[in-house]
PDB file of all heavy atoms in Angstrom:
ATOM      1  N   LEU A   1      -2.506   5.301   4.318  1.00  0.00           N
ATOM      2  CA  LEU A   1      -1.802   5.401   3.041  1.00  0.00           C
ATOM      3  C   LEU A   1      -1.889   6.820   2.489  1.00  0.00           C
ATOM      4  O   LEU A   1      -0.911   7.363   1.965  1.00  0.00           O
ATOM      5  CB  LEU A   1      -2.382   4.401   2.034  1.00  0.00           C
ATOM      6  CG  LEU A   1      -1.999   2.937   2.271  1.00  0.00           C
ATOM      7  CD1 LEU A   1      -2.887   2.012   1.446  1.00  0.00           C
ATOM      8  CD2 LEU A   1      -0.527   2.690   1.941  1.00  0.00           C
ATOM      9  N   LYS A   2      -3.057   7.447   2.617  1.00  0.00           N
ATOM     10  CA  LYS A   2      -3.209   8.820   2.161  1.00  0.00           C
ATOM     11  C   LYS A   2      -2.495   9.795   3.090  1.00  0.00           C
ATOM     12  O   LYS A   2      -1.848  10.745   2.628  1.00  0.00           O
ATOM     13  CB  LYS A   2      -4.692   9.174   2.058  1.00  0.00           C
ATOM     14  CG  LYS A   2      -5.431   8.455   0.949  1.00  0.00           C
ATOM     15  CD  LYS A   2      -4.950   8.880  -0.433  1.00  0.00           C
ATOM     16  CE  LYS A   2      -5.426  10.275  -0.783  1.00  0.00           C
ATOM     17  NZ  LYS A   2      -5.082  10.656  -2.173  1.00  0.00           N
ATOM     18  N   ASN A   3      -2.601   9.571   4.396  1.00  0.00           N
ATOM     19  CA  ASN A   3      -1.998  10.502   5.355  1.00  0.00           C
ATOM     20  C   ASN A   3      -0.485  10.557   5.212  1.00  0.00           C
ATOM     21  O   ASN A   3       0.126  11.632   5.325  1.00  0.00           O
ATOM     22  CB  ASN A   3      -2.379  10.114   6.778  1.00  0.00           C
ATOM     23  CG  ASN A   3      -1.915  11.132   7.794  1.00  0.00           C
ATOM     24  OD1 ASN A   3      -2.399  12.266   7.829  1.00  0.00           O
ATOM     25  ND2 ASN A   3      -0.963  10.754   8.635  1.00  0.00           N
ATOM     26  N   TRP A   4       0.135   9.393   4.966  1.00  0.00           N
ATOM     27  CA  TRP A   4       1.592   9.348   4.816  1.00  0.00           C
ATOM     28  C   TRP A   4       2.024   9.364   3.356  1.00  0.00           C
ATOM     29  O   TRP A   4       3.138   9.015   3.013  1.00  0.00           O
ATOM     30  CB  TRP A   4       2.158   8.162   5.584  1.00  0.00           C
ATOM     31  CG  TRP A   4       2.305   8.476   7.054  1.00  0.00           C
ATOM     32  CD1 TRP A   4       3.315   9.178   7.646  1.00  0.00           C
ATOM     33  CD2 TRP A   4       1.393   8.133   8.104  1.00  0.00           C
ATOM     34  NE1 TRP A   4       3.086   9.294   9.006  1.00  0.00           N
ATOM     35  CE2 TRP A   4       1.926   8.661   9.320  1.00  0.00           C
ATOM     36  CE3 TRP A   4       0.182   7.446   8.161  1.00  0.00           C
ATOM     37  CZ2 TRP A   4       1.291   8.508  10.549  1.00  0.00           C
ATOM     38  CZ3 TRP A   4      -0.461   7.306   9.384  1.00  0.00           C
ATOM     39  CH2 TRP A   4       0.090   7.830  10.564  1.00  0.00           C
ATOM     40  N   LYS A   5       1.079   9.748   2.486  1.00  0.00           N
ATOM     41  CA  LYS A   5       1.366  10.095   1.091  1.00  0.00           C
ATOM     42  C   LYS A   5       1.998   8.963   0.289  1.00  0.00           C
ATOM     43  O   LYS A   5       2.993   9.139  -0.431  1.00  0.00           O
ATOM     44  CB  LYS A   5       2.247  11.354   1.032  1.00  0.00           C
ATOM     45  CG  LYS A   5       1.553  12.572   1.629  1.00  0.00           C
ATOM     46  CD  LYS A   5       2.451  13.795   1.631  1.00  0.00           C
ATOM     47  CE  LYS A   5       1.687  15.038   2.068  1.00  0.00           C
ATOM     48  NZ  LYS A   5       1.019  14.907   3.375  1.00  0.00           N
ATOM     49  N   ALA A   6       1.398   7.795   0.398  1.00  0.00           N
ATOM     50  CA  ALA A   6       1.815   6.680  -0.455  1.00  0.00           C
ATOM     51  C   ALA A   6       1.484   7.012  -1.902  1.00  0.00           C
ATOM     52  O   ALA A   6       0.417   7.548  -2.208  1.00  0.00           O
ATOM     53  CB  ALA A   6       1.102   5.402  -0.035  1.00  0.00           C
ATOM     54  N   GLY A   7       2.425   6.712  -2.789  1.00  0.00           N
ATOM     55  CA  GLY A   7       2.196   7.005  -4.194  1.00  0.00           C
ATOM     56  C   GLY A   7       3.432   6.698  -5.010  1.00  0.00           C
ATOM     57  O   GLY A   7       4.367   6.038  -4.533  1.00  0.00           O
ATOM     58  N   PRO A   8       3.496   7.167  -6.240  1.00  0.00           N
ATOM     59  CA  PRO A   8       4.656   6.905  -7.093  1.00  0.00           C
ATOM     60  C   PRO A   8       5.949   7.367  -6.427  1.00  0.00           C
ATOM     61  O   PRO A   8       6.012   8.441  -5.831  1.00  0.00           O
ATOM     62  CB  PRO A   8       4.354   7.738  -8.348  1.00  0.00           C
ATOM     63  CG  PRO A   8       2.860   7.838  -8.374  1.00  0.00           C
ATOM     64  CD  PRO A   8       2.445   7.933  -6.939  1.00  0.00           C
ATOM     65  N   GLY A   9       6.972   6.525  -6.538  1.00  0.00           N
ATOM     66  CA  GLY A   9       8.261   6.847  -5.938  1.00  0.00           C
ATOM     67  C   GLY A   9       8.393   6.439  -4.491  1.00  0.00           C
ATOM     68  O   GLY A   9       9.490   6.547  -3.915  1.00  0.00           O
ATOM     69  N   LYS A  10       7.317   5.969  -3.867  1.00  0.00           N
ATOM     70  CA  LYS A  10       7.349   5.542  -2.468  1.00  0.00           C
ATOM     71  C   LYS A  10       7.347   4.014  -2.384  1.00  0.00           C
ATOM     72  O   LYS A  10       6.689   3.328  -3.178  1.00  0.00           O
ATOM     73  CB  LYS A  10       6.132   6.081  -1.704  1.00  0.00           C
ATOM     74  CG  LYS A  10       6.098   7.598  -1.578  1.00  0.00           C
ATOM     75  CD  LYS A  10       7.223   8.102  -0.691  1.00  0.00           C
ATOM     76  CE  LYS A  10       7.147   9.614  -0.499  1.00  0.00           C
ATOM     77  NZ  LYS A  10       6.036   9.996   0.389  1.00  0.00           N
ATOM     78  N   LYS A  11       8.094   3.508  -1.416  1.00  0.00           N
ATOM     79  CA  LYS A  11       8.117   2.065  -1.153  1.00  0.00           C
ATOM     80  C   LYS A  11       7.291   1.787   0.089  1.00  0.00           C
ATOM     81  O   LYS A  11       7.584   2.303   1.174  1.00  0.00           O
ATOM     82  CB  LYS A  11       9.551   1.577  -0.970  1.00  0.00           C
ATOM     83  CG  LYS A  11      10.379   1.614  -2.247  1.00  0.00           C
ATOM     84  CD  LYS A  11      11.740   0.960  -2.056  1.00  0.00           C
ATOM     85  CE  LYS A  11      12.524   0.926  -3.365  1.00  0.00           C
ATOM     86  NZ  LYS A  11      13.839   0.239  -3.198  1.00  0.00           N
ATOM     87  N   VAL A  12       6.250   0.958  -0.070  1.00  0.00           N
ATOM     88  CA  VAL A  12       5.301   0.668   1.002  1.00  0.00           C
ATOM     89  C   VAL A  12       5.322  -0.821   1.318  1.00  0.00           C
ATOM     90  O   VAL A  12       5.284  -1.659   0.402  1.00  0.00           O
ATOM     91  CB  VAL A  12       3.873   1.094   0.599  1.00  0.00           C
ATOM     92  CG1 VAL A  12       2.862   0.663   1.653  1.00  0.00           C
ATOM     93  CG2 VAL A  12       3.812   2.612   0.393  1.00  0.00           C
ATOM     94  N   GLY A  13       5.375  -1.144   2.606  1.00  0.00           N
ATOM     95  CA  GLY A  13       5.285  -2.527   3.057  1.00  0.00           C
ATOM     96  C   GLY A  13       3.963  -2.779   3.754  1.00  0.00           C
ATOM     97  O   GLY A  13       3.510  -1.955   4.546  1.00  0.00           O
ATOM     98  N   ILE A  14       3.341  -3.896   3.447  1.00  0.00           N
ATOM     99  CA  ILE A  14       2.090  -4.312   4.096  1.00  0.00           C
ATOM    100  C   ILE A  14       2.364  -5.603   4.851  1.00  0.00           C
ATOM    101  O   ILE A  14       2.701  -6.625   4.244  1.00  0.00           O
ATOM    102  CB  ILE A  14       0.957  -4.547   3.073  1.00  0.00           C
ATOM    103  CG1 ILE A  14       0.746  -3.313   2.183  1.00  0.00           C
ATOM    104  CG2 ILE A  14      -0.324  -4.940   3.788  1.00  0.00           C
ATOM    105  CD1 ILE A  14       0.219  -2.102   2.870  1.00  0.00           C
ATOM    106  N   MET A  15       2.239  -5.561   6.171  1.00  0.00           N
ATOM    107  CA  MET A  15       2.449  -6.752   6.996  1.00  0.00           C
ATOM    108  C   MET A  15       1.141  -7.504   7.168  1.00  0.00           C
ATOM    109  O   MET A  15       0.194  -6.994   7.760  1.00  0.00           O
ATOM    110  CB  MET A  15       3.012  -6.350   8.356  1.00  0.00           C
ATOM    111  CG  MET A  15       4.410  -5.762   8.296  1.00  0.00           C
ATOM    112  SD  MET A  15       4.933  -5.036   9.869  1.00  0.00           S
ATOM    113  CE  MET A  15       4.749  -6.452  10.993  1.00  0.00           C
ATOM    114  N   GLY A  16       1.084  -8.710   6.606  1.00  0.00           N
ATOM    115  CA  GLY A  16      -0.111  -9.535   6.706  1.00  0.00           C
ATOM    116  C   GLY A  16      -0.979  -9.414   5.469  1.00  0.00           C
ATOM    117  O   GLY A  16      -1.109  -8.335   4.882  1.00  0.00           O
ATOM    118  N   LEU A  17      -1.578 -10.529   5.056  1.00  0.00           N
ATOM    119  CA  LEU A  17      -2.466 -10.529   3.892  1.00  0.00           C
ATOM    120  C   LEU A  17      -3.802 -11.153   4.284  1.00  0.00           C
ATOM    121  O   LEU A  17      -4.239 -12.146   3.713  1.00  0.00           O
ATOM    122  CB  LEU A  17      -1.837 -11.281   2.723  1.00  0.00           C
ATOM    123  CG  LEU A  17      -2.531 -11.069   1.370  1.00  0.00           C
ATOM    124  CD1 LEU A  17      -2.373  -9.629   0.913  1.00  0.00           C
ATOM    125  CD2 LEU A  17      -1.977 -12.021   0.312  1.00  0.00           C
ATOM    126  N   GLY A  18      -4.447 -10.535   5.268  1.00  0.00           N
ATOM    127  CA  GLY A  18      -5.773 -10.961   5.679  1.00  0.00           C
ATOM    128  C   GLY A  18      -6.806  -9.934   5.245  1.00  0.00           C
ATOM    129  O   GLY A  18      -6.641  -9.257   4.232  1.00  0.00           O
ATOM    130  N   GLY A  19      -7.876  -9.814   6.038  1.00  0.00           N
ATOM    131  CA  GLY A  19      -8.947  -8.886   5.702  1.00  0.00           C
ATOM    132  C   GLY A  19      -8.478  -7.452   5.588  1.00  0.00           C
ATOM    133  O   GLY A  19      -8.908  -6.703   4.698  1.00  0.00           O
ATOM    134  N   LEU A  20      -7.575  -7.029   6.477  1.00  0.00           N
ATOM    135  CA  LEU A  20      -7.008  -5.685   6.407  1.00  0.00           C
ATOM    136  C   LEU A  20      -5.903  -5.601   5.358  1.00  0.00           C
ATOM    137  O   LEU A  20      -5.887  -4.711   4.512  1.00  0.00           O
ATOM    138  CB  LEU A  20      -6.450  -5.272   7.773  1.00  0.00           C
ATOM    139  CG  LEU A  20      -7.440  -5.073   8.916  1.00  0.00           C
ATOM    140  CD1 LEU A  20      -6.695  -4.839  10.229  1.00  0.00           C
ATOM    141  CD2 LEU A  20      -8.368  -3.897   8.627  1.00  0.00           C
ATOM    142  N   GLY A  21      -4.968  -6.531   5.439  1.00  0.00           N
ATOM    143  CA  GLY A  21      -3.793  -6.462   4.586  1.00  0.00           C
ATOM    144  C   GLY A  21      -4.107  -6.475   3.102  1.00  0.00           C
ATOM    145  O   GLY A  21      -3.477  -5.753   2.317  1.00  0.00           O
ATOM    146  N   HIS A  22      -5.078  -7.278   2.685  1.00  0.00           N
ATOM    147  CA  HIS A  22      -5.342  -7.342   1.248  1.00  0.00           C
ATOM    148  C   HIS A  22      -5.938  -6.029   0.747  1.00  0.00           C
ATOM    149  O   HIS A  22      -5.739  -5.655  -0.410  1.00  0.00           O
ATOM    150  CB  HIS A  22      -6.207  -8.560   0.898  1.00  0.00           C
ATOM    151  CG  HIS A  22      -7.681  -8.352   0.885  1.00  0.00           C
ATOM    152  ND1 HIS A  22      -8.429  -8.134   2.027  1.00  0.00           N
ATOM    153  CD2 HIS A  22      -8.577  -8.354  -0.154  1.00  0.00           C
ATOM    154  CE1 HIS A  22      -9.706  -8.010   1.703  1.00  0.00           C
ATOM    155  NE2 HIS A  22      -9.823  -8.125   0.394  1.00  0.00           N
ATOM    156  N   MET A  23      -6.642  -5.283   1.630  1.00  0.00           N
ATOM    157  CA  MET A  23      -7.128  -3.963   1.227  1.00  0.00           C
ATOM    158  C   MET A  23      -5.970  -2.976   1.135  1.00  0.00           C
ATOM    159  O   MET A  23      -5.913  -2.138   0.230  1.00  0.00           O
ATOM    160  CB  MET A  23      -8.176  -3.453   2.211  1.00  0.00           C
ATOM    161  CG  MET A  23      -9.498  -4.214   2.191  1.00  0.00           C
ATOM    162  SD  MET A  23     -10.210  -4.436   0.544  1.00  0.00           S
ATOM    163  CE  MET A  23     -10.114  -2.789  -0.147  1.00  0.00           C
ATOM    164  N   GLY A  24      -5.018  -3.056   2.079  1.00  0.00           N
ATOM    165  CA  GLY A  24      -3.849  -2.191   2.017  1.00  0.00           C
ATOM    166  C   GLY A  24      -3.060  -2.414   0.743  1.00  0.00           C
ATOM    167  O   GLY A  24      -2.587  -1.464   0.108  1.00  0.00           O
ATOM    168  N   LEU A  25      -2.928  -3.665   0.347  1.00  0.00           N
ATOM    169  CA  LEU A  25      -2.225  -4.000  -0.883  1.00  0.00           C
ATOM    170  C   LEU A  25      -2.933  -3.398  -2.095  1.00  0.00           C
ATOM    171  O   LEU A  25      -2.303  -2.765  -2.959  1.00  0.00           O
ATOM    172  CB  LEU A  25      -2.122  -5.521  -1.024  1.00  0.00           C
ATOM    173  CG  LEU A  25      -1.692  -6.070  -2.379  1.00  0.00           C
ATOM    174  CD1 LEU A  25      -0.357  -5.492  -2.824  1.00  0.00           C
ATOM    175  CD2 LEU A  25      -1.633  -7.602  -2.331  1.00  0.00           C
ATOM    176  N   LYS A  26      -4.241  -3.574  -2.179  1.00  0.00           N
ATOM    177  CA  LYS A  26      -4.984  -3.057  -3.332  1.00  0.00           C
ATOM    178  C   LYS A  26      -4.880  -1.541  -3.425  1.00  0.00           C
ATOM    179  O   LYS A  26      -4.688  -0.980  -4.517  1.00  0.00           O
ATOM    180  CB  LYS A  26      -6.452  -3.493  -3.248  1.00  0.00           C
ATOM    181  CG  LYS A  26      -6.673  -4.985  -3.485  1.00  0.00           C
ATOM    182  CD  LYS A  26      -8.159  -5.315  -3.532  1.00  0.00           C
ATOM    183  CE  LYS A  26      -8.390  -6.794  -3.830  1.00  0.00           C
ATOM    184  NZ  LYS A  26      -9.800  -7.112  -4.070  1.00  0.00           N
ATOM    185  N   PHE A  27      -4.998  -0.860  -2.290  1.00  0.00           N
ATOM    186  CA  PHE A  27      -4.932   0.600  -2.306  1.00  0.00           C
ATOM    187  C   PHE A  27      -3.526   1.098  -2.627  1.00  0.00           C
ATOM    188  O   PHE A  27      -3.354   2.026  -3.420  1.00  0.00           O
ATOM    189  CB  PHE A  27      -5.390   1.165  -0.957  1.00  0.00           C
ATOM    190  CG  PHE A  27      -6.873   1.125  -0.736  1.00  0.00           C
ATOM    191  CD1 PHE A  27      -7.401   0.719   0.470  1.00  0.00           C
ATOM    192  CD2 PHE A  27      -7.753   1.494  -1.745  1.00  0.00           C
ATOM    193  CE1 PHE A  27      -8.767   0.687   0.682  1.00  0.00           C
ATOM    194  CE2 PHE A  27      -9.129   1.460  -1.545  1.00  0.00           C
ATOM    195  CZ  PHE A  27      -9.639   1.057  -0.326  1.00  0.00           C
ATOM    196  N   ALA A  28      -2.509   0.511  -1.986  1.00  0.00           N
ATOM    197  CA  ALA A  28      -1.135   0.955  -2.233  1.00  0.00           C
ATOM    198  C   ALA A  28      -0.776   0.789  -3.715  1.00  0.00           C
ATOM    199  O   ALA A  28      -0.141   1.660  -4.322  1.00  0.00           O
ATOM    200  CB  ALA A  28      -0.165   0.180  -1.349  1.00  0.00           C
ATOM    201  N   HIS A  29      -1.186  -0.334  -4.272  1.00  0.00           N
ATOM    202  CA  HIS A  29      -0.927  -0.582  -5.693  1.00  0.00           C
ATOM    203  C   HIS A  29      -1.648   0.450  -6.565  1.00  0.00           C
ATOM    204  O   HIS A  29      -1.056   1.021  -7.494  1.00  0.00           O
ATOM    205  CB  HIS A  29      -1.375  -1.988  -6.062  1.00  0.00           C
ATOM    206  CG  HIS A  29      -1.296  -2.296  -7.526  1.00  0.00           C
ATOM    207  ND1 HIS A  29      -0.102  -2.452  -8.204  1.00  0.00           N
ATOM    208  CD2 HIS A  29      -2.278  -2.464  -8.459  1.00  0.00           C
ATOM    209  CE1 HIS A  29      -0.344  -2.719  -9.473  1.00  0.00           C
ATOM    210  NE2 HIS A  29      -1.654  -2.720  -9.661  1.00  0.00           N
ATOM    211  N   ALA A  30      -2.921   0.707  -6.260  1.00  0.00           N
ATOM    212  CA  ALA A  30      -3.695   1.660  -7.063  1.00  0.00           C
ATOM    213  C   ALA A  30      -3.157   3.080  -6.932  1.00  0.00           C
ATOM    214  O   ALA A  30      -3.264   3.877  -7.872  1.00  0.00           O
ATOM    215  CB  ALA A  30      -5.164   1.615  -6.642  1.00  0.00           C
ATOM    216  N   LEU A  31      -2.562   3.393  -5.785  1.00  0.00           N
ATOM    217  CA  LEU A  31      -1.983   4.716  -5.576  1.00  0.00           C
ATOM    218  C   LEU A  31      -0.632   4.876  -6.280  1.00  0.00           C
ATOM    219  O   LEU A  31      -0.091   5.980  -6.345  1.00  0.00           O
ATOM    220  CB  LEU A  31      -1.817   4.993  -4.077  1.00  0.00           C
ATOM    221  CG  LEU A  31      -3.117   5.249  -3.299  1.00  0.00           C
ATOM    222  CD1 LEU A  31      -2.869   5.160  -1.801  1.00  0.00           C
ATOM    223  CD2 LEU A  31      -3.702   6.611  -3.671  1.00  0.00           C
ATOM    224  N   GLY A  32      -0.085   3.783  -6.761  1.00  0.00           N
ATOM    225  CA  GLY A  32       1.143   3.846  -7.533  1.00  0.00           C
ATOM    226  C   GLY A  32       2.411   3.590  -6.754  1.00  0.00           C
ATOM    227  O   GLY A  32       3.517   3.784  -7.280  1.00  0.00           O
ATOM    228  N   ALA A  33       2.303   3.133  -5.510  1.00  0.00           N
ATOM    229  CA  ALA A  33       3.487   2.850  -4.704  1.00  0.00           C
ATOM    230  C   ALA A  33       4.075   1.495  -5.070  1.00  0.00           C
ATOM    231  O   ALA A  33       3.356   0.587  -5.505  1.00  0.00           O
ATOM    232  CB  ALA A  33       3.126   2.860  -3.218  1.00  0.00           C
ATOM    233  N   GLU A  34       5.391   1.367  -4.895  1.00  0.00           N
ATOM    234  CA  GLU A  34       6.040   0.062  -5.018  1.00  0.00           C
ATOM    235  C   GLU A  34       5.717  -0.701  -3.738  1.00  0.00           C
ATOM    236  O   GLU A  34       6.124  -0.298  -2.653  1.00  0.00           O
ATOM    237  CB  GLU A  34       7.547   0.219  -5.186  1.00  0.00           C
ATOM    238  CG  GLU A  34       8.271  -1.111  -5.353  1.00  0.00           C
ATOM    239  CD  GLU A  34       9.766  -0.954  -5.553  1.00  0.00           C
ATOM    240  OE1 GLU A  34      10.201   0.138  -5.991  1.00  0.00           O
ATOM    241  OE2 GLU A  34      10.500  -1.919  -5.249  1.00  0.00           O
ATOM    242  N   THR A  35       4.976  -1.806  -3.859  1.00  0.00           N
ATOM    243  CA  THR A  35       4.355  -2.434  -2.699  1.00  0.00           C
ATOM    244  C   THR A  35       4.913  -3.829  -2.437  1.00  0.00           C
ATOM    245  O   THR A  35       4.982  -4.667  -3.341  1.00  0.00           O
ATOM    246  CB  THR A  35       2.826  -2.522  -2.891  1.00  0.00           C
ATOM    247  OG1 THR A  35       2.326  -1.223  -3.207  1.00  0.00           O
ATOM    248  CG2 THR A  35       2.143  -3.025  -1.638  1.00  0.00           C
ATOM    249  N   THR A  36       5.287  -4.060  -1.180  1.00  0.00           N
ATOM    250  CA  THR A  36       5.807  -5.347  -0.736  1.00  0.00           C
ATOM    251  C   THR A  36       4.888  -5.913   0.335  1.00  0.00           C
ATOM    252  O   THR A  36       4.501  -5.203   1.275  1.00  0.00           O
ATOM    253  CB  THR A  36       7.221  -5.210  -0.154  1.00  0.00           C
ATOM    254  OG1 THR A  36       8.087  -4.695  -1.163  1.00  0.00           O
ATOM    255  CG2 THR A  36       7.757  -6.543   0.345  1.00  0.00           C
TER     256      THR A  36
END
């Protein structure tokens, strides 16, 4: 998420909501990305 500069104005998709996916969701949201 940091390497590909997720943040405000970016649309980020997270595939899966398991142990990995739920962390991706929390981080993408906190970074300010529009998260699906």
